[in-house]
Amino acid sequence: MNNSLKVLFEEFQERPIAFMPIYSKITGSVTAGLLLSQIVYWDKTKEHGEFF
């Protein structure tokens, strides 16, 4: 593996995204499930306030 690819993989592993399979089942899509997971995360983080 070349050095730039190794650095790229290391950078991506610093901040993982939680994936809850139930959200994909609810939405019928992995992409929509990931988006819903992030919306739920930020909603809790911002104590139900606005986020963007």
PDB file of N, CA and C in Angstrom:
ATOM      1  N   MET A   1       0.861  -1.176   0.000  1.00  0.00           N
ATOM      2  CA  MET A   1       0.000   0.000   0.000  1.00  0.00           C
ATOM      3  C   MET A   1       0.904   1.235   0.000  1.00  0.00           C
ATOM      4  N   ASN A   2       0.623   2.177  -0.887  1.00  0.00           N
ATOM      5  CA  ASN A   2       1.466   3.364  -0.921  1.00  0.00           C
ATOM      6  C   ASN A   2       1.158   4.272   0.277  1.00  0.00           C
ATOM      7  N   ASN A   3       2.058   5.175   0.559  1.00  0.00           N
ATOM      8  CA  ASN A   3       1.972   6.002   1.765  1.00  0.00           C
ATOM      9  C   ASN A   3       0.746   6.915   1.779  1.00  0.00           C
ATOM     10  N   SER A   4       0.382   7.505   0.651  1.00  0.00           N
ATOM     11  CA  SER A   4      -0.760   8.419   0.636  1.00  0.00           C
ATOM     12  C   SER A   4      -2.074   7.679   0.903  1.00  0.00           C
ATOM     13  N   LEU A   5      -2.194   6.459   0.416  1.00  0.00           N
ATOM     14  CA  LEU A   5      -3.384   5.656   0.668  1.00  0.00           C
ATOM     15  C   LEU A   5      -3.450   5.259   2.141  1.00  0.00           C
ATOM     16  N   LYS A   6      -2.308   4.936   2.722  1.00  0.00           N
ATOM     17  CA  LYS A   6      -2.236   4.588   4.137  1.00  0.00           C
ATOM     18  C   LYS A   6      -2.667   5.776   4.994  1.00  0.00           C
ATOM     19  N   VAL A   7      -2.199   6.962   4.675  1.00  0.00           N
ATOM     20  CA  VAL A   7      -2.575   8.171   5.411  1.00  0.00           C
ATOM     21  C   VAL A   7      -4.073   8.423   5.281  1.00  0.00           C
ATOM     22  N   LEU A   8      -4.619   8.224   4.095  1.00  0.00           N
ATOM     23  CA  LEU A   8      -6.043   8.418   3.859  1.00  0.00           C
ATOM     24  C   LEU A   8      -6.866   7.487   4.741  1.00  0.00           C
ATOM     25  N   PHE A   9      -6.504   6.211   4.789  1.00  0.00           N
ATOM     26  CA  PHE A   9      -7.219   5.264   5.636  1.00  0.00           C
ATOM     27  C   PHE A   9      -7.112   5.639   7.110  1.00  0.00           C
ATOM     28  N   GLU A  10      -5.953   6.083   7.544  1.00  0.00           N
ATOM     29  CA  GLU A  10      -5.771   6.489   8.941  1.00  0.00           C
ATOM     30  C   GLU A  10      -6.644   7.698   9.271  1.00  0.00           C
ATOM     31  N   GLU A  11      -6.768   8.637   8.356  1.00  0.00           N
ATOM     32  CA  GLU A  11      -7.596   9.819   8.578  1.00  0.00           C
ATOM     33  C   GLU A  11      -9.069   9.459   8.712  1.00  0.00           C
ATOM     34  N   PHE A  12      -9.534   8.546   7.878  1.00  0.00           N
ATOM     35  CA  PHE A  12     -10.943   8.160   7.916  1.00  0.00           C
ATOM     36  C   PHE A  12     -11.303   7.412   9.190  1.00  0.00           C
ATOM     37  N   GLN A  13     -10.351   6.763   9.810  1.00  0.00           N
ATOM     38  CA  GLN A  13     -10.627   5.974  10.998  1.00  0.00           C
ATOM     39  C   GLN A  13     -10.650   6.805  12.274  1.00  0.00           C
ATOM     40  N   GLU A  14     -10.326   8.063  12.202  1.00  0.00           N
ATOM     41  CA  GLU A  14     -10.296   8.898  13.395  1.00  0.00           C
ATOM     42  C   GLU A  14     -11.681   9.220  13.922  1.00  0.00           C
ATOM     43  N   ARG A  15     -12.659   9.374  13.052  1.00  0.00           N
ATOM     44  CA  ARG A  15     -14.002   9.757  13.472  1.00  0.00           C
ATOM     45  C   ARG A  15     -15.027   8.846  12.814  1.00  0.00           C
ATOM     46  N   PRO A  16     -15.283   7.700  13.405  1.00  0.00           N
ATOM     47  CA  PRO A  16     -16.233   6.768  12.788  1.00  0.00           C
ATOM     48  C   PRO A  16     -17.670   7.287  12.853  1.00  0.00           C
ATOM     49  N   ILE A  17     -18.482   6.802  11.950  1.00  0.00           N
ATOM     50  CA  ILE A  17     -19.904   7.129  11.930  1.00  0.00           C
ATOM     51  C   ILE A  17     -20.654   5.908  12.427  1.00  0.00           C
ATOM     52  N   ALA A  18     -21.477   6.095  13.431  1.00  0.00           N
ATOM     53  CA  ALA A  18     -22.271   4.974  13.958  1.00  0.00           C
ATOM     54  C   ALA A  18     -23.347   4.614  12.948  1.00  0.00           C
ATOM     55  N   PHE A  19     -23.500   3.334  12.728  1.00  0.00           N
ATOM     56  CA  PHE A  19     -24.513   2.846  11.804  1.00  0.00           C
ATOM     57  C   PHE A  19     -25.457   1.940  12.568  1.00  0.00           C
ATOM     58  N   MET A  20     -26.710   2.304  12.594  1.00  0.00           N
ATOM     59  CA  MET A  20     -27.728   1.510  13.266  1.00  0.00           C
ATOM     60  C   MET A  20     -28.560   0.823  12.184  1.00  0.00           C
ATOM     61  N   PRO A  21     -28.431  -0.496  12.033  1.00  0.00           N
ATOM     62  CA  PRO A  21     -29.153  -1.208  10.970  1.00  0.00           C
ATOM     63  C   PRO A  21     -30.670  -0.985  10.989  1.00  0.00           C
ATOM     64  N   ILE A  22     -31.238  -0.747  12.145  1.00  0.00           N
ATOM     65  CA  ILE A  22     -32.689  -0.533  12.221  1.00  0.00           C
ATOM     66  C   ILE A  22     -33.117   0.678  11.385  1.00  0.00           C
ATOM     67  N   TYR A  23     -32.263   1.697  11.307  1.00  0.00           N
ATOM     68  CA  TYR A  23     -32.609   2.879  10.508  1.00  0.00           C
ATOM     69  C   TYR A  23     -32.689   2.542   9.027  1.00  0.00           C
ATOM     70  N   SER A  24     -31.835   1.643   8.558  1.00  0.00           N
ATOM     71  CA  SER A  24     -31.903   1.212   7.159  1.00  0.00           C
ATOM     72  C   SER A  24     -33.165   0.406   6.903  1.00  0.00           C
ATOM     73  N   LYS A  25     -33.568  -0.384   7.891  1.00  0.00           N
ATOM     74  CA  LYS A  25     -34.802  -1.153   7.743  1.00  0.00           C
ATOM     75  C   LYS A  25     -36.003  -0.220   7.718  1.00  0.00           C
ATOM     76  N   ILE A  26     -35.966   0.820   8.552  1.00  0.00           N
ATOM     77  CA  ILE A  26     -37.071   1.790   8.598  1.00  0.00           C
ATOM     78  C   ILE A  26     -37.193   2.530   7.267  1.00  0.00           C
ATOM     79  N   THR A  27     -36.046   2.970   6.730  1.00  0.00           N
ATOM     80  CA  THR A  27     -36.060   3.788   5.518  1.00  0.00           C
ATOM     81  C   THR A  27     -36.039   2.963   4.237  1.00  0.00           C
ATOM     82  N   GLY A  28     -35.576   1.709   4.320  1.00  0.00           N
ATOM     83  CA  GLY A  28     -35.478   0.877   3.128  1.00  0.00           C
ATOM     84  C   GLY A  28     -34.236   1.148   2.308  1.00  0.00           C
ATOM     85  N   SER A  29     -33.263   1.865   2.882  1.00  0.00           N
ATOM     86  CA  SER A  29     -32.059   2.242   2.153  1.00  0.00           C
ATOM     87  C   SER A  29     -30.903   2.415   3.128  1.00  0.00           C
ATOM     88  N   VAL A  30     -29.728   1.908   2.753  1.00  0.00           N
ATOM     89  CA  VAL A  30     -28.544   2.087   3.587  1.00  0.00           C
ATOM     90  C   VAL A  30     -28.171   3.567   3.657  1.00  0.00           C
ATOM     91  N   THR A  31     -28.215   4.252   2.529  1.00  0.00           N
ATOM     92  CA  THR A  31     -27.870   5.672   2.489  1.00  0.00           C
ATOM     93  C   THR A  31     -28.809   6.487   3.367  1.00  0.00           C
ATOM     94  N   ALA A  32     -30.087   6.256   3.234  1.00  0.00           N
ATOM     95  CA  ALA A  32     -31.061   6.977   4.055  1.00  0.00           C
ATOM     96  C   ALA A  32     -30.912   6.598   5.527  1.00  0.00           C
ATOM     97  N   GLY A  33     -30.569   5.342   5.800  1.00  0.00           N
ATOM     98  CA  GLY A  33     -30.344   4.903   7.169  1.00  0.00           C
ATOM     99  C   GLY A  33     -29.163   5.609   7.804  1.00  0.00           C
ATOM    100  N   LEU A  34     -28.091   5.789   7.033  1.00  0.00           N
ATOM    101  CA  LEU A  34     -26.931   6.532   7.531  1.00  0.00           C
ATOM    102  C   LEU A  34     -27.289   7.993   7.800  1.00  0.00           C
ATOM    103  N   LEU A  35     -28.039   8.591   6.901  1.00  0.00           N
ATOM    104  CA  LEU A  35     -28.466   9.975   7.088  1.00  0.00           C
ATOM    105  C   LEU A  35     -29.344  10.101   8.330  1.00  0.00           C
ATOM    106  N   LEU A  36     -30.290   9.196   8.494  1.00  0.00           N
ATOM    107  CA  LEU A  36     -31.159   9.222   9.665  1.00  0.00           C
ATOM    108  C   LEU A  36     -30.355   9.036  10.946  1.00  0.00           C
ATOM    109  N   SER A  37     -29.367   8.168  10.907  1.00  0.00           N
ATOM    110  CA  SER A  37     -28.497   7.951  12.054  1.00  0.00           C
ATOM    111  C   SER A  37     -27.781   9.235  12.441  1.00  0.00           C
ATOM    112  N   GLN A  38     -27.290   9.967  11.459  1.00  0.00           N
ATOM    113  CA  GLN A  38     -26.612  11.229  11.738  1.00  0.00           C
ATOM    114  C   GLN A  38     -27.581  12.287  12.259  1.00  0.00           C
ATOM    115  N   ILE A  39     -28.777  12.321  11.710  1.00  0.00           N
ATOM    116  CA  ILE A  39     -29.786  13.276  12.179  1.00  0.00           C
ATOM    117  C   ILE A  39     -30.134  13.000  13.642  1.00  0.00           C
ATOM    118  N   VAL A  40     -30.305  11.737  13.991  1.00  0.00           N
ATOM    119  CA  VAL A  40     -30.609  11.383  15.384  1.00  0.00           C
ATOM    120  C   VAL A  40     -29.442  11.763  16.288  1.00  0.00           C
ATOM    121  N   TYR A  41     -28.222  11.489  15.843  1.00  0.00           N
ATOM    122  CA  TYR A  41     -27.034  11.835  16.622  1.00  0.00           C
ATOM    123  C   TYR A  41     -26.962  13.335  16.883  1.00  0.00           C
ATOM    124  N   TRP A  42     -27.081  14.134  15.839  1.00  0.00           N
ATOM    125  CA  TRP A  42     -26.962  15.579  16.000  1.00  0.00           C
ATOM    126  C   TRP A  42     -28.139  16.164  16.763  1.00  0.00           C
ATOM    127  N   ASP A  43     -29.313  15.572  16.622  1.00  0.00           N
ATOM    128  CA  ASP A  43     -30.464  16.025  17.387  1.00  0.00           C
ATOM    129  C   ASP A  43     -30.203  15.853  18.883  1.00  0.00           C
ATOM    130  N   LYS A  44     -29.643  14.716  19.266  1.00  0.00           N
ATOM    131  CA  LYS A  44     -29.318  14.474  20.677  1.00  0.00           C
ATOM    132  C   LYS A  44     -28.181  15.379  21.139  1.00  0.00           C
ATOM    133  N   THR A  45     -27.167  15.554  20.276  1.00  0.00           N
ATOM    134  CA  THR A  45     -26.002  16.372  20.624  1.00  0.00           C
ATOM    135  C   THR A  45     -26.409  17.834  20.845  1.00  0.00           C
ATOM    136  N   LYS A  46     -27.297  18.331  20.021  1.00  0.00           N
ATOM    137  CA  LYS A  46     -27.723  19.735  20.112  1.00  0.00           C
ATOM    138  C   LYS A  46     -28.937  19.910  21.026  1.00  0.00           C
ATOM    139  N   GLU A  47     -29.275  18.854  21.767  1.00  0.00           N
ATOM    140  CA  GLU A  47     -30.402  18.883  22.709  1.00  0.00           C
ATOM    141  C   GLU A  47     -31.682  19.353  22.024  1.00  0.00           C
ATOM    142  N   HIS A  48     -31.948  18.778  20.885  1.00  0.00           N
ATOM    143  CA  HIS A  48     -33.154  19.008  20.104  1.00  0.00           C
ATOM    144  C   HIS A  48     -33.247  20.428  19.548  1.00  0.00           C
ATOM    145  N   GLY A  49     -32.091  21.089  19.420  1.00  0.00           N
ATOM    146  CA  GLY A  49     -32.052  22.428  18.819  1.00  0.00           C
ATOM    147  C   GLY A  49     -31.753  22.310  17.335  1.00  0.00           C
ATOM    148  N   GLU A  50     -31.526  23.427  16.701  1.00  0.00           N
ATOM    149  CA  GLU A  50     -31.235  23.431  15.272  1.00  0.00           C
ATOM    150  C   GLU A  50     -29.811  22.987  15.004  1.00  0.00           C
ATOM    151  N   PHE A  51     -29.608  22.318  13.899  1.00  0.00           N
ATOM    152  CA  PHE A  51     -28.276  21.937  13.439  1.00  0.00           C
ATOM    153  C   PHE A  51     -28.260  21.970  11.924  1.00  0.00           C
ATOM    154  N   PHE A  52     -27.067  22.065  11.377  1.00  0.00           N
ATOM    155  CA  PHE A  52     -26.939  22.068   9.914  1.00  0.00           C
ATOM    156  C   PHE A  52     -25.648  21.411   9.518  1.00  0.00           C
TER     157      PHE A  52
END
